Amino acid sequence: MPPPAPPPPARPGQAFTIAALLGRSSPPPAPPPPPTPPLPPLPHWGAPPGPLCAACCGPPPAWAARLGATGFLLSKCCFPIFKTKAGKAKRVRTIFTSDQLARLEKEFARQQYMVGTERCLLASALHLTEEQVKVWFQNRRIKWRKQSLEQQQAKLPAPLKEPKLC
């Protein structure tokens, strides 16, 4: 029985491809991928966030009943993001109602940091996401620090002017 024929010389970087190991000169063309169905249009895309998510997302899951009426969070689909020309996601600026702002300010006066369950409950009560409440508190703390610094600087006496020498 004659020895098997040696495979054709492989190009650099191709020595261990399946085609080279099987002794083929070039790999067979890959079949085209099956067509994917287009995504359904999103009728609420770009719409301002609604007070309830049930219209676009359906009923809440079964586990949400354990949280109680104020513990269920709105879905992120109610708060869309847009793509800019560069492809970066841009969040829509939240416009808070006067009632939401009054409640947020009241909670901020009580405590400057809102975390965990309290943030979850506050977000649900105001029909906001936890992320929106978290960002509002971050921004409000920055504003508070800036105001505090300005007040401290206003209380400081004006710097003494050096006497001019003739």
N, C-alpha and C. Protein backbone atom coordinates (compact mmCIF):
# COMPACT_ATOMS: atom_id res chain seq x y z
N MET A 1 0.85 -1.16 0.00
CA MET A 1 0.00 0.00 0.00
C MET A 1 0.90 1.23 0.00
N PRO A 2 0.64 2.18 -0.93
CA PRO A 2 1.51 3.37 -1.01
C PRO A 2 1.20 4.34 0.13
N PRO A 3 2.20 5.12 0.55
CA PRO A 3 1.97 6.10 1.62
C PRO A 3 0.99 7.18 1.13
N PRO A 4 0.23 7.79 2.06
CA PRO A 4 -0.72 8.83 1.64
C PRO A 4 0.03 10.03 1.09
N ALA A 5 -0.62 10.69 0.16
CA ALA A 5 -0.01 11.87 -0.47
C ALA A 5 0.07 12.99 0.55
N PRO A 6 1.20 13.69 0.58
CA PRO A 6 1.32 14.80 1.53
C PRO A 6 0.36 15.93 1.14
N PRO A 7 -0.16 16.62 2.13
CA PRO A 7 -1.06 17.73 1.81
C PRO A 7 -0.30 18.84 1.10
N PRO A 8 -1.02 19.64 0.32
CA PRO A 8 -0.35 20.75 -0.37
C PRO A 8 0.25 21.71 0.65
N PRO A 9 1.32 22.41 0.28
CA PRO A 9 1.94 23.33 1.24
C PRO A 9 0.95 24.41 1.66
N ALA A 10 0.90 24.64 2.95
CA ALA A 10 -0.03 25.64 3.48
C ALA A 10 0.62 27.01 3.50
N ARG A 11 -0.22 28.02 3.33
CA ARG A 11 0.27 29.39 3.44
C ARG A 11 0.49 29.71 4.92
N PRO A 12 1.37 30.66 5.23
CA PRO A 12 1.59 31.01 6.63
C PRO A 12 0.27 31.42 7.30
N GLY A 13 0.06 30.93 8.51
CA GLY A 13 -1.15 31.25 9.24
C GLY A 13 -2.32 30.35 8.88
N GLN A 14 -2.17 29.48 7.88
CA GLN A 14 -3.26 28.62 7.44
C GLN A 14 -2.94 27.15 7.70
N ALA A 15 -1.80 26.84 8.33
CA ALA A 15 -1.37 25.46 8.48
C ALA A 15 -2.33 24.63 9.32
N PHE A 16 -3.01 25.22 10.26
CA PHE A 16 -3.86 24.45 11.15
C PHE A 16 -5.35 24.72 10.96
N THR A 17 -5.72 25.27 9.82
CA THR A 17 -7.14 25.43 9.54
C THR A 17 -7.72 24.08 9.19
N ILE A 18 -9.02 23.94 9.28
CA ILE A 18 -9.68 22.67 8.96
C ILE A 18 -9.40 22.29 7.52
N ALA A 19 -9.47 23.28 6.62
CA ALA A 19 -9.23 22.99 5.21
C ALA A 19 -7.82 22.46 4.99
N ALA A 20 -6.82 23.06 5.67
CA ALA A 20 -5.44 22.61 5.50
C ALA A 20 -5.25 21.22 6.08
N LEU A 21 -5.85 20.95 7.22
CA LEU A 21 -5.72 19.63 7.84
C LEU A 21 -6.40 18.55 7.01
N LEU A 22 -7.48 18.89 6.33
CA LEU A 22 -8.17 17.92 5.48
C LEU A 22 -7.55 17.83 4.09
N GLY A 23 -6.57 18.66 3.83
CA GLY A 23 -5.88 18.61 2.54
C GLY A 23 -6.62 19.34 1.43
N ARG A 24 -7.54 20.20 1.78
CA ARG A 24 -8.25 20.97 0.75
C ARG A 24 -7.46 22.23 0.44
N SER A 25 -7.56 22.66 -0.80
CA SER A 25 -6.81 23.86 -1.19
C SER A 25 -7.51 25.13 -0.71
N SER A 26 -8.83 25.15 -0.66
CA SER A 26 -9.54 26.32 -0.16
C SER A 26 -10.82 25.85 0.51
N PRO A 27 -11.25 26.56 1.53
CA PRO A 27 -12.47 26.14 2.22
C PRO A 27 -13.70 26.34 1.33
N PRO A 28 -14.69 25.45 1.49
CA PRO A 28 -15.91 25.64 0.70
C PRO A 28 -16.63 26.90 1.17
N PRO A 29 -17.38 27.54 0.29
CA PRO A 29 -18.07 28.76 0.69
C PRO A 29 -19.13 28.45 1.76
N ALA A 30 -19.25 29.34 2.71
CA ALA A 30 -20.22 29.17 3.79
C ALA A 30 -21.62 29.45 3.27
N PRO A 31 -22.61 28.69 3.73
CA PRO A 31 -23.97 28.97 3.28
C PRO A 31 -24.43 30.31 3.83
N PRO A 32 -25.29 31.01 3.09
CA PRO A 32 -25.75 32.31 3.58
C PRO A 32 -26.60 32.13 4.84
N PRO A 33 -26.53 33.07 5.77
CA PRO A 33 -27.32 32.95 6.99
C PRO A 33 -28.81 33.08 6.68
N PRO A 34 -29.64 32.42 7.47
CA PRO A 34 -31.08 32.54 7.22
C PRO A 34 -31.53 33.98 7.48
N PRO A 35 -32.51 34.44 6.72
CA PRO A 35 -32.96 35.83 6.93
C PRO A 35 -33.64 35.96 8.29
N THR A 36 -33.38 37.08 8.94
CA THR A 36 -34.00 37.33 10.24
C THR A 36 -35.21 38.22 10.03
N PRO A 37 -36.28 37.94 10.74
CA PRO A 37 -37.46 38.79 10.57
C PRO A 37 -37.19 40.17 11.14
N PRO A 38 -37.76 41.22 10.54
CA PRO A 38 -37.54 42.57 11.08
C PRO A 38 -38.22 42.72 12.44
N LEU A 39 -37.66 43.59 13.26
CA LEU A 39 -38.24 43.84 14.57
C LEU A 39 -39.54 44.61 14.42
N PRO A 40 -40.51 44.35 15.28
CA PRO A 40 -41.76 45.09 15.18
C PRO A 40 -41.52 46.55 15.56
N PRO A 41 -42.28 47.47 14.98
CA PRO A 41 -42.10 48.88 15.33
C PRO A 41 -42.52 49.13 16.78
N LEU A 42 -41.89 50.09 17.39
CA LEU A 42 -42.22 50.43 18.77
C LEU A 42 -43.11 51.66 18.76
N PRO A 43 -44.40 51.51 19.00
CA PRO A 43 -45.29 52.65 18.90
C PRO A 43 -45.03 53.72 19.95
N HIS A 44 -44.45 53.34 21.09
CA HIS A 44 -44.23 54.31 22.15
C HIS A 44 -42.83 54.91 22.13
N TRP A 45 -42.04 54.59 21.12
CA TRP A 45 -40.66 55.09 21.06
C TRP A 45 -40.66 56.60 20.95
N GLY A 46 -39.97 57.26 21.83
CA GLY A 46 -39.88 58.71 21.80
C GLY A 46 -41.00 59.39 22.56
N ALA A 47 -41.96 58.64 23.02
CA ALA A 47 -43.05 59.24 23.78
C ALA A 47 -42.57 59.56 25.19
N PRO A 48 -43.12 60.59 25.81
CA PRO A 48 -42.71 60.86 27.18
C PRO A 48 -43.15 59.74 28.09
N PRO A 49 -42.48 59.56 29.21
CA PRO A 49 -42.84 58.46 30.10
C PRO A 49 -44.26 58.62 30.61
N GLY A 50 -44.97 57.53 30.60
CA GLY A 50 -46.34 57.56 31.08
C GLY A 50 -46.39 57.22 32.55
N PRO A 51 -47.51 57.52 33.20
CA PRO A 51 -47.59 57.24 34.63
C PRO A 51 -47.62 55.75 34.94
N LEU A 52 -48.16 54.95 34.04
CA LEU A 52 -48.21 53.52 34.26
C LEU A 52 -47.56 52.80 33.10
N CYS A 53 -46.96 51.69 33.37
CA CYS A 53 -46.25 50.96 32.34
C CYS A 53 -47.11 49.88 31.70
N ALA A 54 -48.26 49.60 32.25
CA ALA A 54 -49.08 48.49 31.77
C ALA A 54 -49.49 48.65 30.32
N ALA A 55 -49.63 49.89 29.84
CA ALA A 55 -50.08 50.10 28.46
C ALA A 55 -49.08 49.56 27.45
N CYS A 56 -47.78 49.68 27.74
CA CYS A 56 -46.80 49.24 26.76
C CYS A 56 -46.14 47.92 27.14
N CYS A 57 -46.16 47.55 28.39
CA CYS A 57 -45.42 46.37 28.82
C CYS A 57 -46.31 45.23 29.27
N GLY A 58 -47.59 45.46 29.36
CA GLY A 58 -48.48 44.40 29.83
C GLY A 58 -48.55 44.39 31.34
N PRO A 59 -49.23 43.41 31.89
CA PRO A 59 -49.39 43.37 33.35
C PRO A 59 -48.07 43.06 34.04
N PRO A 60 -47.92 43.47 35.30
CA PRO A 60 -46.68 43.19 36.02
C PRO A 60 -46.53 41.70 36.26
N PRO A 61 -45.30 41.21 36.41
CA PRO A 61 -45.09 39.79 36.67
C PRO A 61 -45.65 39.40 38.04
N ALA A 62 -45.81 38.10 38.25
CA ALA A 62 -46.43 37.59 39.48
C ALA A 62 -45.65 38.00 40.72
N TRP A 63 -44.32 38.04 40.66
CA TRP A 63 -43.52 38.37 41.84
C TRP A 63 -43.74 39.81 42.29
N ALA A 64 -44.25 40.67 41.40
CA ALA A 64 -44.44 42.08 41.76
C ALA A 64 -45.53 42.25 42.82
N ALA A 65 -46.45 41.29 42.91
CA ALA A 65 -47.52 41.39 43.89
C ALA A 65 -46.97 41.38 45.31
N ARG A 66 -45.83 40.72 45.52
CA ARG A 66 -45.23 40.67 46.86
C ARG A 66 -44.66 42.02 47.29
N LEU A 67 -44.36 42.89 46.31
CA LEU A 67 -43.79 44.19 46.64
C LEU A 67 -44.84 45.17 47.13
N GLY A 68 -46.09 44.94 46.80
CA GLY A 68 -47.13 45.88 47.16
C GLY A 68 -47.30 46.92 46.07
N ALA A 69 -48.31 47.74 46.20
CA ALA A 69 -48.65 48.70 45.15
C ALA A 69 -47.54 49.71 44.92
N THR A 70 -46.85 50.14 45.97
CA THR A 70 -45.83 51.16 45.79
C THR A 70 -44.45 50.59 45.50
N GLY A 71 -44.31 49.27 45.54
CA GLY A 71 -42.99 48.69 45.36
C GLY A 71 -42.66 48.28 43.95
N PHE A 72 -43.60 48.35 43.02
CA PHE A 72 -43.34 47.90 41.66
C PHE A 72 -42.73 49.03 40.85
N LEU A 73 -41.64 48.74 40.18
CA LEU A 73 -40.95 49.75 39.39
C LEU A 73 -41.43 49.73 37.95
N LEU A 74 -41.35 50.87 37.33
CA LEU A 74 -41.72 50.96 35.93
C LEU A 74 -40.64 50.33 35.08
N SER A 75 -41.02 49.81 33.94
CA SER A 75 -40.07 49.19 33.02
C SER A 75 -39.25 50.27 32.33
N LYS A 76 -38.03 49.91 31.92
CA LYS A 76 -37.18 50.87 31.23
C LYS A 76 -37.71 51.23 29.85
N CYS A 77 -38.61 50.41 29.30
CA CYS A 77 -39.11 50.72 27.97
C CYS A 77 -39.97 51.98 27.98
N CYS A 78 -40.43 52.39 29.14
CA CYS A 78 -41.23 53.61 29.22
C CYS A 78 -40.34 54.85 29.21
N PHE A 79 -39.05 54.66 29.31
CA PHE A 79 -38.12 55.78 29.34
C PHE A 79 -37.07 55.52 28.26
N PRO A 80 -37.39 55.82 27.00
CA PRO A 80 -36.51 55.44 25.89
C PRO A 80 -35.23 56.25 25.85
N ILE A 81 -34.27 55.67 25.15
CA ILE A 81 -33.03 56.38 24.86
C ILE A 81 -32.95 56.55 23.36
N PHE A 82 -32.23 57.54 22.92
CA PHE A 82 -32.09 57.79 21.49
C PHE A 82 -30.64 57.58 21.09
N LYS A 83 -30.43 57.25 19.83
CA LYS A 83 -29.08 57.10 19.29
C LYS A 83 -28.73 58.39 18.56
N THR A 84 -27.54 58.91 18.84
CA THR A 84 -27.07 60.09 18.12
C THR A 84 -26.35 59.62 16.87
N LYS A 85 -25.87 60.57 16.07
CA LYS A 85 -25.17 60.21 14.83
C LYS A 85 -23.94 59.37 15.11
N ALA A 86 -23.27 59.63 16.21
CA ALA A 86 -22.05 58.88 16.54
C ALA A 86 -22.38 57.50 17.10
N GLY A 87 -23.66 57.20 17.31
CA GLY A 87 -24.05 55.90 17.81
C GLY A 87 -24.09 55.80 19.32
N LYS A 88 -23.81 56.90 20.02
CA LYS A 88 -23.85 56.87 21.47
C LYS A 88 -25.30 57.04 21.93
N ALA A 89 -25.64 56.36 23.01
CA ALA A 89 -26.99 56.48 23.55
C ALA A 89 -27.11 57.81 24.29
N LYS A 90 -28.20 58.51 24.06
CA LYS A 90 -28.45 59.78 24.73
C LYS A 90 -29.74 59.65 25.51
N ARG A 91 -29.66 59.90 26.80
CA ARG A 91 -30.86 59.80 27.62
C ARG A 91 -31.74 61.01 27.40
N VAL A 92 -33.03 60.79 27.48
CA VAL A 92 -33.98 61.88 27.40
C VAL A 92 -33.97 62.59 28.74
N ARG A 93 -33.93 63.90 28.72
CA ARG A 93 -33.93 64.66 29.97
C ARG A 93 -35.30 64.54 30.63
N THR A 94 -35.31 64.15 31.87
CA THR A 94 -36.56 63.98 32.60
C THR A 94 -37.09 65.34 33.01
N ILE A 95 -38.35 65.58 32.74
CA ILE A 95 -39.00 66.81 33.18
C ILE A 95 -39.91 66.42 34.34
N PHE A 96 -39.53 66.86 35.53
CA PHE A 96 -40.28 66.51 36.73
C PHE A 96 -41.47 67.44 36.89
N THR A 97 -42.56 66.89 37.39
CA THR A 97 -43.73 67.72 37.69
C THR A 97 -43.46 68.48 38.98
N SER A 98 -44.27 69.51 39.23
CA SER A 98 -44.08 70.30 40.46
C SER A 98 -44.32 69.44 41.70
N ASP A 99 -45.27 68.50 41.62
CA ASP A 99 -45.51 67.60 42.75
C ASP A 99 -44.31 66.69 43.00
N GLN A 100 -43.72 66.17 41.92
CA GLN A 100 -42.54 65.32 42.06
C GLN A 100 -41.39 66.10 42.68
N LEU A 101 -41.17 67.34 42.19
CA LEU A 101 -40.08 68.15 42.71
C LEU A 101 -40.30 68.49 44.19
N ALA A 102 -41.54 68.81 44.55
CA ALA A 102 -41.82 69.14 45.95
C ALA A 102 -41.51 67.94 46.85
N ARG A 103 -41.91 66.76 46.43
CA ARG A 103 -41.66 65.56 47.24
C ARG A 103 -40.16 65.25 47.30
N LEU A 104 -39.47 65.37 46.15
CA LEU A 104 -38.03 65.12 46.13
C LEU A 104 -37.29 66.10 47.05
N GLU A 105 -37.66 67.39 46.99
CA GLU A 105 -37.03 68.39 47.85
C GLU A 105 -37.31 68.11 49.33
N LYS A 106 -38.53 67.68 49.63
CA LYS A 106 -38.89 67.35 51.02
C LYS A 106 -38.03 66.20 51.53
N GLU A 107 -37.86 65.17 50.70
CA GLU A 107 -37.03 64.03 51.09
C GLU A 107 -35.57 64.43 51.21
N PHE A 108 -35.11 65.33 50.33
CA PHE A 108 -33.72 65.79 50.39
C PHE A 108 -33.47 66.58 51.68
N ALA A 109 -34.45 67.39 52.09
CA ALA A 109 -34.31 68.15 53.33
C ALA A 109 -34.23 67.21 54.53
N ARG A 110 -34.92 66.09 54.44
CA ARG A 110 -34.91 65.11 55.53
C ARG A 110 -33.58 64.36 55.56
N GLN A 111 -33.11 63.93 54.39
CA GLN A 111 -31.83 63.22 54.30
C GLN A 111 -31.28 63.40 52.89
N GLN A 112 -29.98 63.65 52.82
CA GLN A 112 -29.36 63.94 51.53
C GLN A 112 -29.03 62.70 50.72
N TYR A 113 -29.04 61.54 51.35
CA TYR A 113 -28.72 60.30 50.63
C TYR A 113 -29.92 59.37 50.70
N MET A 114 -30.40 58.94 49.54
CA MET A 114 -31.55 58.06 49.45
C MET A 114 -31.06 56.76 48.82
N VAL A 115 -31.14 55.66 49.57
CA VAL A 115 -30.65 54.38 49.07
C VAL A 115 -31.64 53.27 49.33
N GLY A 116 -31.42 52.16 48.66
CA GLY A 116 -32.14 50.92 48.91
C GLY A 116 -33.64 51.00 48.80
N THR A 117 -34.29 50.45 49.80
CA THR A 117 -35.74 50.34 49.79
C THR A 117 -36.42 51.70 49.75
N GLU A 118 -35.85 52.68 50.47
CA GLU A 118 -36.46 54.01 50.47
C GLU A 118 -36.49 54.60 49.07
N ARG A 119 -35.38 54.44 48.34
CA ARG A 119 -35.33 54.97 46.97
C ARG A 119 -36.34 54.25 46.09
N CYS A 120 -36.44 52.95 46.25
CA CYS A 120 -37.39 52.15 45.48
C CYS A 120 -38.82 52.61 45.73
N LEU A 121 -39.16 52.80 47.01
CA LEU A 121 -40.51 53.22 47.35
C LEU A 121 -40.80 54.64 46.86
N LEU A 122 -39.84 55.53 47.01
CA LEU A 122 -40.03 56.90 46.54
C LEU A 122 -40.21 56.94 45.03
N ALA A 123 -39.38 56.19 44.32
CA ALA A 123 -39.49 56.14 42.86
C ALA A 123 -40.86 55.65 42.43
N SER A 124 -41.33 54.61 43.06
CA SER A 124 -42.64 54.06 42.70
C SER A 124 -43.76 55.05 43.03
N ALA A 125 -43.66 55.70 44.17
CA ALA A 125 -44.70 56.65 44.56
C ALA A 125 -44.76 57.84 43.60
N LEU A 126 -43.61 58.21 43.04
CA LEU A 126 -43.57 59.36 42.12
C LEU A 126 -43.67 58.95 40.66
N HIS A 127 -43.83 57.65 40.40
CA HIS A 127 -43.88 57.12 39.03
C HIS A 127 -42.60 57.45 38.26
N LEU A 128 -41.46 57.25 38.92
CA LEU A 128 -40.14 57.44 38.33
C LEU A 128 -39.37 56.14 38.48
N THR A 129 -38.24 56.04 37.77
CA THR A 129 -37.37 54.89 37.96
C THR A 129 -36.42 55.19 39.12
N GLU A 130 -35.85 54.14 39.67
CA GLU A 130 -34.86 54.33 40.73
C GLU A 130 -33.68 55.14 40.21
N GLU A 131 -33.31 54.91 38.96
CA GLU A 131 -32.19 55.64 38.35
C GLU A 131 -32.48 57.14 38.32
N GLN A 132 -33.70 57.52 37.97
CA GLN A 132 -34.05 58.94 37.93
C GLN A 132 -33.97 59.56 39.32
N VAL A 133 -34.43 58.85 40.33
CA VAL A 133 -34.37 59.36 41.70
C VAL A 133 -32.91 59.46 42.14
N LYS A 134 -32.13 58.44 41.82
CA LYS A 134 -30.71 58.44 42.20
C LYS A 134 -29.99 59.63 41.57
N VAL A 135 -30.20 59.86 40.29
CA VAL A 135 -29.53 60.96 39.59
C VAL A 135 -30.01 62.31 40.13
N TRP A 136 -31.31 62.42 40.43
CA TRP A 136 -31.82 63.68 40.98
C TRP A 136 -31.11 63.99 42.30
N PHE A 137 -30.97 62.98 43.18
CA PHE A 137 -30.30 63.20 44.46
C PHE A 137 -28.83 63.56 44.25
N GLN A 138 -28.17 62.93 43.29
CA GLN A 138 -26.76 63.27 43.01
C GLN A 138 -26.66 64.73 42.58
N ASN A 139 -27.51 65.12 41.64
CA ASN A 139 -27.48 66.50 41.14
C ASN A 139 -27.84 67.49 42.25
N ARG A 140 -28.78 67.14 43.09
CA ARG A 140 -29.20 68.05 44.16
C ARG A 140 -28.09 68.22 45.19
N ARG A 141 -27.34 67.15 45.48
CA ARG A 141 -26.20 67.28 46.40
C ARG A 141 -25.13 68.20 45.83
N ILE A 142 -24.90 68.10 44.53
CA ILE A 142 -23.92 68.99 43.89
C ILE A 142 -24.38 70.44 44.00
N LYS A 143 -25.66 70.68 43.75
CA LYS A 143 -26.22 72.03 43.85
C LYS A 143 -26.10 72.54 45.29
N TRP A 144 -26.38 71.68 46.27
CA TRP A 144 -26.30 72.06 47.68
C TRP A 144 -24.88 72.44 48.06
N ARG A 145 -23.89 71.64 47.61
CA ARG A 145 -22.48 71.95 47.91
C ARG A 145 -22.07 73.28 47.31
N LYS A 146 -22.50 73.52 46.08
CA LYS A 146 -22.16 74.78 45.40
C LYS A 146 -22.77 75.96 46.16
N GLN A 147 -24.02 75.84 46.57
CA GLN A 147 -24.67 76.91 47.33
C GLN A 147 -23.97 77.13 48.67
N SER A 148 -23.57 76.06 49.32
CA SER A 148 -22.88 76.18 50.61
C SER A 148 -21.55 76.91 50.45
N LEU A 149 -20.81 76.57 49.41
CA LEU A 149 -19.53 77.25 49.17
C LEU A 149 -19.73 78.73 48.89
N GLU A 150 -20.75 79.05 48.10
CA GLU A 150 -21.02 80.46 47.78
C GLU A 150 -21.40 81.24 49.04
N GLN A 151 -22.17 80.62 49.93
CA GLN A 151 -22.55 81.28 51.18
C GLN A 151 -21.34 81.49 52.07
N GLN A 152 -20.45 80.51 52.13
CA GLN A 152 -19.24 80.65 52.94
C GLN A 152 -18.35 81.77 52.40
N GLN A 153 -18.23 81.83 51.08
CA GLN A 153 -17.39 82.87 50.49
C GLN A 153 -18.00 84.25 50.68
N ALA A 154 -19.32 84.34 50.70
CA ALA A 154 -19.98 85.63 50.92
C ALA A 154 -19.76 86.11 52.35
N LYS A 155 -19.61 85.20 53.30
CA LYS A 155 -19.40 85.57 54.71
C LYS A 155 -17.96 86.00 54.98
N LEU A 156 -17.01 85.58 54.15
CA LEU A 156 -15.61 85.93 54.37
C LEU A 156 -15.40 87.42 54.11
N PRO A 157 -14.57 88.07 54.92
CA PRO A 157 -14.30 89.49 54.66
C PRO A 157 -13.49 89.63 53.37
N ALA A 158 -13.63 90.77 52.75
CA ALA A 158 -12.90 91.03 51.51
C ALA A 158 -11.41 91.02 51.82
N PRO A 159 -10.59 90.51 50.89
CA PRO A 159 -9.15 90.47 51.15
C PRO A 159 -8.59 91.89 51.29
N LEU A 160 -7.63 92.02 52.22
CA LEU A 160 -7.01 93.32 52.44
C LEU A 160 -6.16 93.71 51.25
N LYS A 161 -6.28 94.97 50.88
CA LYS A 161 -5.47 95.46 49.77
C LYS A 161 -4.12 95.90 50.32
N GLU A 162 -3.10 95.58 49.58
CA GLU A 162 -1.76 95.98 49.99
C GLU A 162 -1.59 97.48 49.75
N PRO A 163 -0.96 98.17 50.69
CA PRO A 163 -0.76 99.62 50.48
C PRO A 163 0.23 99.84 49.34
N LYS A 164 -0.07 100.83 48.56
CA LYS A 164 0.81 101.15 47.43
C LYS A 164 1.99 101.98 47.93
N LEU A 165 3.15 101.63 47.47
CA LEU A 165 4.35 102.38 47.80
C LEU A 165 4.66 103.34 46.68
N CYS A 166 5.03 104.56 47.05
CA CYS A 166 5.34 105.55 46.04
C CYS A 166 6.70 105.37 45.45
